[in-house]
Amino acid sequence: MTIAQLHQIFLAATAVCTDTRKIAPGVLFFALKGDNFNGNRFASEALELGASFAVIDQKEFNSEDKRLILVPNVLEALQQLASFHRKYLAVPIIGLTGSNGKTTTKELLSAVLRQQFNLVATKRNLNNHIGVPLTLLSMGATTEIGIVEMGANHLKEIEALCEIAQPDYGYITNFGKAHLEGFGSLAGVVQGKSELYEYLKVNNKTCFVNADDPIQMICSEGIERILILDNLNGKPIETTTTNPSVILQIGTTEVKSNLLGDYNANNIRAAIAIGDFFKITLAGIKHAIEQYNPSNNRSQWVNTKRNKLLLDAYNANPSSMMAALNNFAIHDPQQKKVVILGDMFELGEAATKEHQEIANLVITLGFDKIFLVGENFYHIDDNNKLIKCREYEDLLIAIQKHDLSNHTILIKGSRGMALERIVNFL
């Protein structure tokens, strides 16, 4: 079967599905494989549950049922179908990547562009070799613009995702110390994320670039680019971050966001600039940004009966951890502050050094109490100035020994630490 023929079957289906637990009538099921699962084993079950067709790649699971479609590789078929569908729709696609702030920028930009366009954007963080195809295949005839978030933890991954998504526009939030285990170094991060720039350059597309970032200015040379500056159509943009949330003054228009920190100011400025490029009015931009509230444990304020929490526990790397700590330190200086930090993952040989540097920083910032949890933080040298916990259970015990009432508390760590579990105890 050709991809064009598979596309016709896809167009007649109600949706694409890769999980038999989520089968709905009329879906096209793709039997993906992983280290601990084999979707081929569940293809017949998917058909029984109501799938219109099932795509498989192992002959032993094939049968006389014409609804089973045998291909050489299910994942490649999914990716090829997504690329074919992207060309079929021919809608403008904005590709987003970067070390920090991808999802927040995507959500802000989605809110802004939805003021005028019927838009489809990456859901949650489905930004990998499976998530990107699924995002593209969720676009339909009424889609006017798409935003595709692209994540990576090694070289050539963004390049591959660009070949699938074929973005017309691109934006890189920043280059930071994320996924050092896969990229090898900060230089490797720059090279890997800049694969988006390379795609845009070769294909004569356009990028949006933070003009305050000298590395991005160098990496984006030779590409048609729109610079994100401290002004909008001649109106200066001034940023205030001393209040609980970031406020931007655009000429005489004040935009009050629900986000904290200088790093989020950059995310907001990007949404403003890209929204302006797509002819969204300043009134529309203001409304979208002011209505956006962070969720999913990303810079999310949570008020409990005892404390005020800044829950930023979705993910962490040295760059985002340092930015969060510095901003938290200057926030509401009269309040008693506590930080709870979890290990940062995927740092490879740099793990010991990077965790020690974060520990050194947090000591100098003068918080009332500092809790660190995880194997990496447990082994840092702190001269007994910090409360170190090897496991999450140890953290629970340590917190119960201290009076944590009427505090403002920052909670941040890598996804694998799942520190949002601590909220009920605070």
Protein backbone atom coordinates (compact mmCIF):
# COMPACT_ATOMS: atom_id res chain seq x y z
CA MET A 1 0.00 0.00 0.00
CA THR A 2 1.29 3.46 -0.89
CA ILE A 3 1.28 6.41 1.51
CA ALA A 4 -1.23 8.12 -0.78
CA GLN A 5 -3.59 5.14 -0.41
CA LEU A 6 -3.04 5.09 3.35
CA HIS A 7 -3.84 8.79 3.40
CA GLN A 8 -7.23 8.12 1.81
CA ILE A 9 -7.98 5.61 4.56
CA PHE A 10 -6.82 8.17 7.15
CA LEU A 11 -9.12 10.86 5.71
CA ALA A 12 -12.08 8.50 6.07
CA ALA A 13 -11.13 7.63 9.67
CA THR A 14 -12.32 9.59 12.69
CA ALA A 15 -8.80 9.99 14.14
CA VAL A 16 -5.45 8.26 14.64
CA CYS A 17 -4.89 6.12 17.73
CA THR A 18 -1.81 4.30 19.09
CA ASP A 19 -3.30 2.97 22.36
CA THR A 20 -6.01 0.31 22.49
CA ARG A 21 -7.16 1.75 25.82
CA LYS A 22 -8.28 4.85 23.91
CA ILE A 23 -9.93 3.22 20.89
CA ALA A 24 -13.02 5.05 19.61
CA PRO A 25 -15.25 4.00 16.70
CA GLY A 26 -13.70 4.62 13.29
CA VAL A 27 -10.11 5.38 14.33
CA LEU A 28 -7.04 4.31 12.37
CA PHE A 29 -4.87 2.27 14.73
CA PHE A 30 -1.06 2.26 14.45
CA ALA A 31 0.59 -0.73 16.18
CA LEU A 32 3.72 0.97 17.48
CA LYS A 33 6.46 -0.98 19.25
CA GLY A 34 8.66 -0.03 22.20
CA ASP A 35 11.10 -1.59 24.62
CA ASN A 36 8.28 -2.94 26.78
CA PHE A 37 5.30 -3.22 24.43
CA ASN A 38 4.34 -4.43 20.96
CA GLY A 39 1.24 -2.89 19.44
CA ASN A 40 1.07 -5.66 16.82
CA ARG A 41 -0.22 -7.97 19.54
CA PHE A 42 -3.25 -5.74 20.05
CA ALA A 43 -4.15 -4.96 16.43
CA SER A 44 -7.01 -7.48 16.26
CA GLU A 45 -8.30 -6.22 19.59
CA ALA A 46 -8.26 -2.66 18.24
CA LEU A 47 -10.45 -3.76 15.32
CA GLU A 48 -12.85 -5.53 17.68
CA LEU A 49 -13.11 -2.35 19.74
CA GLY A 50 -14.15 -0.33 16.70
CA ALA A 51 -11.03 0.76 14.82
CA SER A 52 -11.64 1.02 11.07
CA PHE A 53 -8.16 -0.23 10.14
CA ALA A 54 -4.98 -1.27 11.96
CA VAL A 55 -1.46 -0.74 10.64
CA ILE A 56 0.99 -3.52 11.59
CA ASP A 57 4.54 -4.52 10.64
CA GLN A 58 4.86 -8.16 11.73
CA LYS A 59 3.57 -10.87 9.40
CA GLU A 60 2.70 -13.28 12.22
CA PHE A 61 -0.06 -10.89 13.33
CA ASN A 62 -1.53 -10.56 9.84
CA SER A 63 -4.65 -12.45 8.80
CA GLU A 64 -7.37 -12.61 6.16
CA ASP A 65 -8.92 -9.48 7.68
CA LYS A 66 -8.58 -6.78 5.03
CA ARG A 67 -8.68 -4.16 7.74
CA LEU A 68 -5.12 -5.14 8.72
CA ILE A 69 -2.55 -3.13 6.78
CA LEU A 70 0.94 -4.67 6.73
CA VAL A 71 3.80 -2.17 6.27
CA PRO A 72 7.61 -2.53 6.62
CA ASN A 73 7.72 -0.29 9.72
CA VAL A 74 4.72 1.15 11.58
CA LEU A 75 6.58 4.16 13.03
CA GLU A 76 7.97 5.12 9.63
CA ALA A 77 4.52 4.72 8.08
CA LEU A 78 3.08 7.05 10.74
CA GLN A 79 5.78 9.64 10.08
CA GLN A 80 5.44 9.39 6.29
CA LEU A 81 1.67 9.73 6.55
CA ALA A 82 2.08 12.84 8.71
CA SER A 83 4.44 14.45 6.19
CA PHE A 84 2.09 13.58 3.32
CA HIS A 85 -0.86 15.05 5.22
CA ARG A 86 1.11 18.19 6.07
CA LYS A 87 1.74 18.76 2.32
CA TYR A 88 -1.88 17.93 1.54
CA LEU A 89 -3.19 20.61 3.92
CA ALA A 90 -0.55 23.19 2.93
CA VAL A 91 -1.16 25.31 6.04
CA PRO A 92 1.55 27.52 7.58
CA ILE A 93 3.48 25.65 10.27
CA ILE A 94 5.50 27.31 13.04
CA GLY A 95 8.22 25.06 14.45
CA LEU A 96 9.25 25.68 18.08
CA THR A 97 12.24 24.32 19.96
CA GLY A 98 14.76 25.39 22.61
CA SER A 99 16.19 24.27 25.93
CA ASN A 100 13.69 26.04 28.18
CA GLY A 101 10.27 27.61 27.78
CA LYS A 102 9.11 25.68 24.70
CA THR A 103 5.75 24.65 26.08
CA THR A 104 5.00 27.96 27.79
CA THR A 105 5.87 29.87 24.61
CA LYS A 106 3.73 27.47 22.58
CA GLU A 107 0.77 28.00 24.90
CA LEU A 108 1.16 31.79 24.89
CA LEU A 109 1.54 31.92 21.12
CA SER A 110 -1.43 29.59 20.66
CA ALA A 111 -3.57 31.86 22.83
CA VAL A 112 -2.51 34.91 20.81
CA LEU A 113 -3.00 33.40 17.35
CA ARG A 114 -6.36 31.88 18.30
CA GLN A 115 -7.67 35.44 18.49
CA GLN A 116 -7.90 35.28 14.70
CA PHE A 117 -7.05 31.79 13.41
CA ASN A 118 -8.44 28.27 13.68
CA LEU A 119 -5.27 26.77 15.11
CA VAL A 120 -3.90 23.36 16.05
CA ALA A 121 -0.89 23.15 18.37
CA THR A 122 1.07 20.40 20.06
CA LYS A 123 -0.87 19.07 23.03
CA ARG A 124 0.93 18.84 26.35
CA ASN A 125 4.54 17.93 25.52
CA LEU A 126 3.95 15.51 22.62
CA ASN A 127 7.02 16.86 20.88
CA ASN A 128 9.06 13.81 19.85
CA HIS A 129 9.25 11.45 16.85
CA ILE A 130 5.76 10.14 17.68
CA GLY A 131 4.17 13.29 19.09
CA VAL A 132 5.05 15.48 16.09
CA PRO A 133 3.34 13.15 13.58
CA LEU A 134 0.29 12.88 15.83
CA THR A 135 0.09 16.68 16.04
CA LEU A 136 0.20 17.00 12.26
CA LEU A 137 -2.43 14.28 11.81
CA SER A 138 -4.75 16.11 14.23
CA MET A 139 -4.95 19.00 11.75
CA GLY A 140 -7.89 19.08 9.39
CA ALA A 141 -9.55 20.98 6.58
CA THR A 142 -10.53 23.87 8.87
CA THR A 143 -7.01 24.32 10.31
CA GLU A 144 -5.57 27.70 9.30
CA ILE A 145 -2.22 27.55 11.08
CA GLY A 146 -0.25 24.97 13.09
CA ILE A 147 2.27 25.20 15.91
CA VAL A 148 4.55 22.19 16.27
CA GLU A 149 6.74 21.92 19.37
CA MET A 150 9.91 19.91 18.77
CA GLY A 151 11.96 18.42 21.61
CA ALA A 152 15.34 16.74 21.38
CA ASN A 153 17.98 15.16 23.60
CA HIS A 154 20.58 14.33 20.95
CA LEU A 155 21.94 15.55 17.64
CA LYS A 156 19.99 15.01 14.39
CA GLU A 157 16.66 14.73 16.23
CA ILE A 158 15.44 18.25 15.38
CA GLU A 159 16.63 17.67 11.82
CA ALA A 160 14.44 14.57 11.58
CA LEU A 161 11.44 16.33 13.11
CA CYS A 162 11.82 19.21 10.66
CA GLU A 163 11.69 16.75 7.76
CA ILE A 164 8.38 15.49 9.11
CA ALA A 165 6.79 18.84 10.04
CA GLN A 166 8.36 20.97 7.26
CA PRO A 167 7.94 24.27 9.15
CA ASP A 168 7.48 27.54 7.29
CA TYR A 169 8.55 29.52 10.34
CA GLY A 170 10.79 28.69 13.28
CA TYR A 171 11.57 29.98 16.74
CA ILE A 172 14.21 28.80 19.22
CA THR A 173 13.49 29.96 22.77
CA ASN A 174 17.09 29.69 24.01
CA PHE A 175 20.17 27.50 24.31
CA GLY A 176 20.67 26.11 27.80
CA LYS A 177 22.25 23.27 29.76
CA ALA A 178 19.60 20.69 29.01
CA HIS A 179 20.10 17.04 27.97
CA LEU A 180 23.87 17.35 28.25
CA GLU A 181 24.12 13.57 28.45
CA GLY A 182 22.84 13.29 24.87
CA PHE A 183 24.26 16.50 23.39
CA GLY A 184 27.63 16.20 25.16
CA SER A 185 28.08 19.90 25.92
CA LEU A 186 26.46 23.31 25.65
CA ALA A 187 28.05 23.58 22.19
CA GLY A 188 26.26 20.35 21.31
CA VAL A 189 22.97 21.84 22.51
CA VAL A 190 23.51 24.87 20.25
CA GLN A 191 24.32 22.63 17.31
CA GLY A 192 21.32 20.35 17.93
CA LYS A 193 18.73 23.08 18.38
CA SER A 194 20.16 25.01 15.42
CA GLU A 195 19.16 22.16 13.14
CA LEU A 196 15.88 24.08 12.95
CA TYR A 197 17.77 27.08 11.59
CA GLU A 198 19.54 24.85 9.07
CA TYR A 199 16.24 23.50 7.79
CA LEU A 200 14.79 27.00 7.43
CA LYS A 201 17.90 28.22 5.64
CA VAL A 202 18.08 25.37 3.12
CA ASN A 203 14.36 25.63 2.38
CA ASN A 204 14.23 29.45 2.18
CA LYS A 205 11.88 29.79 5.14
CA THR A 206 11.65 32.38 7.94
CA CYS A 207 12.79 32.44 11.56
CA PHE A 208 11.93 34.64 14.52
CA VAL A 209 15.03 35.52 16.55
CA ASN A 210 15.54 37.08 19.97
CA ALA A 211 17.78 40.02 19.03
CA ASP A 212 19.20 40.13 22.58
CA ASP A 213 20.75 36.67 22.19
CA PRO A 214 24.13 37.02 20.43
CA ILE A 215 24.49 33.27 19.84
CA GLN A 216 21.12 33.06 18.13
CA MET A 217 21.93 36.11 16.05
CA ILE A 218 25.07 34.36 14.81
CA CYS A 219 23.39 30.98 14.26
CA SER A 220 20.53 32.51 12.27
CA GLU A 221 22.71 34.49 9.87
CA GLY A 222 21.82 33.99 6.23
CA ILE A 223 18.16 33.17 6.99
CA GLU A 224 15.22 35.45 6.34
CA ARG A 225 14.50 36.51 9.90
CA ILE A 226 12.16 38.62 11.95
CA LEU A 227 13.94 40.11 14.96
CA ILE A 228 12.21 40.19 18.32
CA LEU A 229 13.13 43.62 19.71
CA ASP A 230 12.23 45.79 22.69
CA ASN A 231 9.65 47.62 20.63
CA LEU A 232 6.48 46.86 18.70
CA ASN A 233 5.79 48.99 15.67
CA GLY A 234 7.87 51.77 17.19
CA LYS A 235 6.29 51.45 20.64
CA PRO A 236 8.87 50.63 23.34
CA ILE A 237 8.30 47.50 25.39
CA GLU A 238 9.23 47.86 29.05
CA THR A 239 9.19 44.88 31.39
CA THR A 240 8.58 44.80 35.15
CA THR A 241 9.33 41.58 37.04
CA THR A 242 9.47 42.82 40.64
CA ASN A 243 5.73 42.22 41.06
CA PRO A 244 4.40 38.66 41.50
CA SER A 245 3.88 38.47 37.74
CA VAL A 246 5.53 39.88 34.64
CA ILE A 247 4.03 43.14 33.38
CA LEU A 248 4.87 44.55 29.96
CA GLN A 249 4.24 48.12 28.96
CA ILE A 250 3.86 48.49 25.17
CA GLY A 251 3.66 52.20 24.53
CA THR A 252 0.60 53.20 26.53
CA THR A 253 -0.81 49.64 26.71
CA GLU A 254 -0.16 47.61 29.86
CA VAL A 255 -0.15 43.81 29.57
CA LYS A 256 -0.44 42.03 32.94
CA SER A 257 0.55 38.39 32.63
CA ASN A 258 0.10 35.60 35.16
CA LEU A 259 3.71 34.45 34.73
CA LEU A 260 6.72 35.00 36.98
CA GLY A 261 10.35 35.70 36.07
CA ASP A 262 12.60 37.29 33.45
CA TYR A 263 12.67 34.05 31.47
CA ASN A 264 8.89 34.26 31.04
CA ALA A 265 9.22 37.87 29.94
CA ASN A 266 11.16 36.58 26.92
CA ASN A 267 8.46 33.99 26.24
CA ILE A 268 5.78 36.70 26.34
CA ARG A 269 7.78 39.02 24.08
CA ALA A 270 8.09 36.22 21.53
CA ALA A 271 4.33 35.63 21.55
CA ILE A 272 3.75 39.37 21.12
CA ALA A 273 6.19 39.70 18.20
CA ILE A 274 4.98 36.61 16.35
CA GLY A 275 1.36 37.55 16.96
CA ASP A 276 2.02 41.02 15.52
CA PHE A 277 3.67 39.43 12.46
CA PHE A 278 0.46 37.49 11.85
CA LYS A 279 -1.60 40.71 12.16
CA ILE A 280 -3.13 40.08 15.58
CA THR A 281 -4.20 43.42 17.06
CA LEU A 282 -2.50 44.72 20.20
CA ALA A 283 -5.88 44.50 21.96
CA GLY A 284 -6.12 40.84 20.95
CA ILE A 285 -2.57 40.13 22.09
CA LYS A 286 -3.20 41.81 25.44
CA HIS A 287 -6.41 39.84 25.99
CA ALA A 288 -4.78 36.49 25.13
CA ILE A 289 -1.75 36.96 27.38
CA GLU A 290 -3.74 38.26 30.32
CA GLN A 291 -6.16 35.32 30.11
CA TYR A 292 -3.41 32.69 29.98
CA ASN A 293 -2.78 30.88 33.26
CA PRO A 294 0.07 28.36 33.53
CA SER A 295 -0.81 24.80 34.45
CA ASN A 296 0.72 21.31 34.37
CA ASN A 297 3.17 22.20 37.16
CA ARG A 298 4.88 24.92 35.09
CA SER A 299 5.44 28.17 37.04
CA GLN A 300 2.03 27.56 38.57
CA TRP A 301 0.93 29.37 41.71
CA VAL A 302 -0.91 27.12 44.16
CA ASN A 303 -2.44 28.46 47.36
CA THR A 304 -2.86 25.94 50.17
CA LYS A 305 -4.33 26.47 53.63
CA ARG A 306 -0.81 26.94 55.03
CA ASN A 307 1.44 28.23 52.24
CA LYS A 308 1.76 29.81 48.85
CA LEU A 309 3.52 27.49 46.39
CA LEU A 310 5.30 28.21 43.12
CA LEU A 311 4.99 24.80 41.50
CA ASP A 312 7.56 24.48 38.72
CA ALA A 313 8.04 20.74 38.96
CA TYR A 314 7.39 19.72 35.36
CA ASN A 315 11.07 19.69 34.42
CA ALA A 316 14.46 21.15 35.31
CA ASN A 317 17.96 21.63 33.96
CA PRO A 318 20.83 23.81 35.23
CA SER A 319 19.79 26.83 33.16
CA SER A 320 16.13 26.78 34.14
CA MET A 321 16.96 25.96 37.76
CA MET A 322 19.33 28.90 38.07
CA ALA A 323 16.85 31.30 36.46
CA ALA A 324 14.02 30.11 38.71
CA LEU A 325 16.10 30.49 41.87
CA ASN A 326 17.36 33.98 41.02
CA ASN A 327 13.87 35.21 40.22
CA PHE A 328 12.37 33.60 43.30
CA ALA A 329 15.01 35.27 45.46
CA ILE A 330 13.92 38.79 44.44
CA HIS A 331 10.20 38.00 44.49
CA ASP A 332 8.31 39.50 47.46
CA PRO A 333 11.40 40.13 49.66
CA GLN A 334 9.36 40.45 52.88
CA GLN A 335 8.07 36.88 52.69
CA LYS A 336 9.65 33.85 54.37
CA LYS A 337 10.84 31.62 51.56
CA VAL A 338 11.59 27.93 51.22
CA VAL A 339 12.94 26.03 48.22
CA ILE A 340 12.48 22.33 47.52
CA LEU A 341 14.73 21.18 44.69
CA GLY A 342 14.89 17.76 43.04
CA ASP A 343 17.64 16.20 40.94
CA MET A 344 18.19 17.31 37.35
CA PHE A 345 18.37 14.38 34.94
CA GLU A 346 20.16 13.64 31.64
CA LEU A 347 23.31 15.59 32.52
CA GLY A 348 25.77 12.74 32.03
CA GLU A 349 29.30 13.43 33.25
CA ALA A 350 28.34 17.03 34.07
CA ALA A 351 25.82 15.95 36.74
CA THR A 352 28.12 16.29 39.77
CA LYS A 353 29.45 19.70 38.73
CA GLU A 354 26.05 21.14 37.79
CA HIS A 355 24.32 20.00 40.99
CA GLN A 356 27.17 21.41 43.07
CA GLU A 357 26.87 24.78 41.31
CA ILE A 358 23.14 24.92 42.00
CA ALA A 359 23.79 24.07 45.67
CA ASN A 360 26.42 26.82 45.88
CA LEU A 361 23.99 29.32 44.37
CA VAL A 362 21.05 28.43 46.58
CA ILE A 363 23.21 28.85 49.71
CA THR A 364 24.15 32.39 48.70
CA LEU A 365 20.55 33.46 48.04
CA GLY A 366 19.59 33.33 51.70
CA PHE A 367 16.35 31.37 51.75
CA ASP A 368 14.85 30.42 55.12
CA LYS A 369 15.01 26.69 54.45
CA ILE A 370 16.46 24.65 51.60
CA PHE A 371 15.49 21.05 50.91
CA LEU A 372 17.34 19.02 48.27
CA VAL A 373 16.21 15.57 47.18
CA GLY A 374 17.78 12.94 44.92
CA GLU A 375 21.03 11.00 44.59
CA ASN A 376 22.91 13.84 42.87
CA PHE A 377 21.96 16.52 45.37
CA TYR A 378 22.48 14.12 48.27
CA HIS A 379 26.19 13.82 47.47
CA ILE A 380 27.03 17.52 47.03
CA ASP A 381 29.34 19.34 49.46
CA ASP A 382 27.30 21.83 51.50
CA ASN A 383 28.99 22.05 54.93
CA ASN A 384 25.70 21.01 56.54
CA LYS A 385 23.94 24.19 55.38
CA LEU A 386 21.21 22.33 53.46
CA ILE A 387 18.63 19.68 54.26
CA LYS A 388 19.57 16.80 51.94
CA CYS A 389 17.29 13.84 51.26
CA ARG A 390 18.21 10.78 49.29
CA GLU A 391 14.67 9.69 48.41
CA TYR A 392 11.24 11.30 48.18
CA GLU A 393 10.17 9.45 51.35
CA ASP A 394 13.10 11.05 53.20
CA LEU A 395 11.86 14.45 52.01
CA LEU A 396 8.43 13.80 53.52
CA ILE A 397 10.01 12.96 56.86
CA ALA A 398 12.26 16.04 56.75
CA ILE A 399 9.37 18.40 55.95
CA GLN A 400 7.30 17.08 58.82
CA LYS A 401 10.12 17.99 61.21
CA HIS A 402 9.96 21.67 60.23
CA ASP A 403 7.21 24.23 60.61
CA LEU A 404 6.33 25.15 57.04
CA SER A 405 3.41 27.48 57.60
CA ASN A 406 2.98 30.96 56.12
CA HIS A 407 5.85 30.47 53.68
CA THR A 408 6.24 31.05 49.97
CA ILE A 409 7.73 27.83 48.60
CA LEU A 410 9.42 27.11 45.27
CA ILE A 411 9.20 23.47 44.14
CA LYS A 412 11.37 22.54 41.16
CA GLY A 413 12.91 19.35 39.80
CA SER A 414 13.11 17.07 36.78
CA ARG A 415 9.98 15.26 35.62
CA GLY A 416 11.20 11.96 36.97
CA MET A 417 11.28 13.37 40.51
CA ALA A 418 7.51 14.08 40.40
CA LEU A 419 7.79 16.68 43.16
CA GLU A 420 4.19 17.79 42.68
CA ARG A 421 3.43 14.90 45.06
CA ILE A 422 4.59 17.09 47.94
CA VAL A 423 1.83 19.69 47.48
CA ASN A 424 -0.67 17.92 49.76
CA PHE A 425 1.86 17.98 52.61
CA LEU A 426 2.39 21.73 52.39
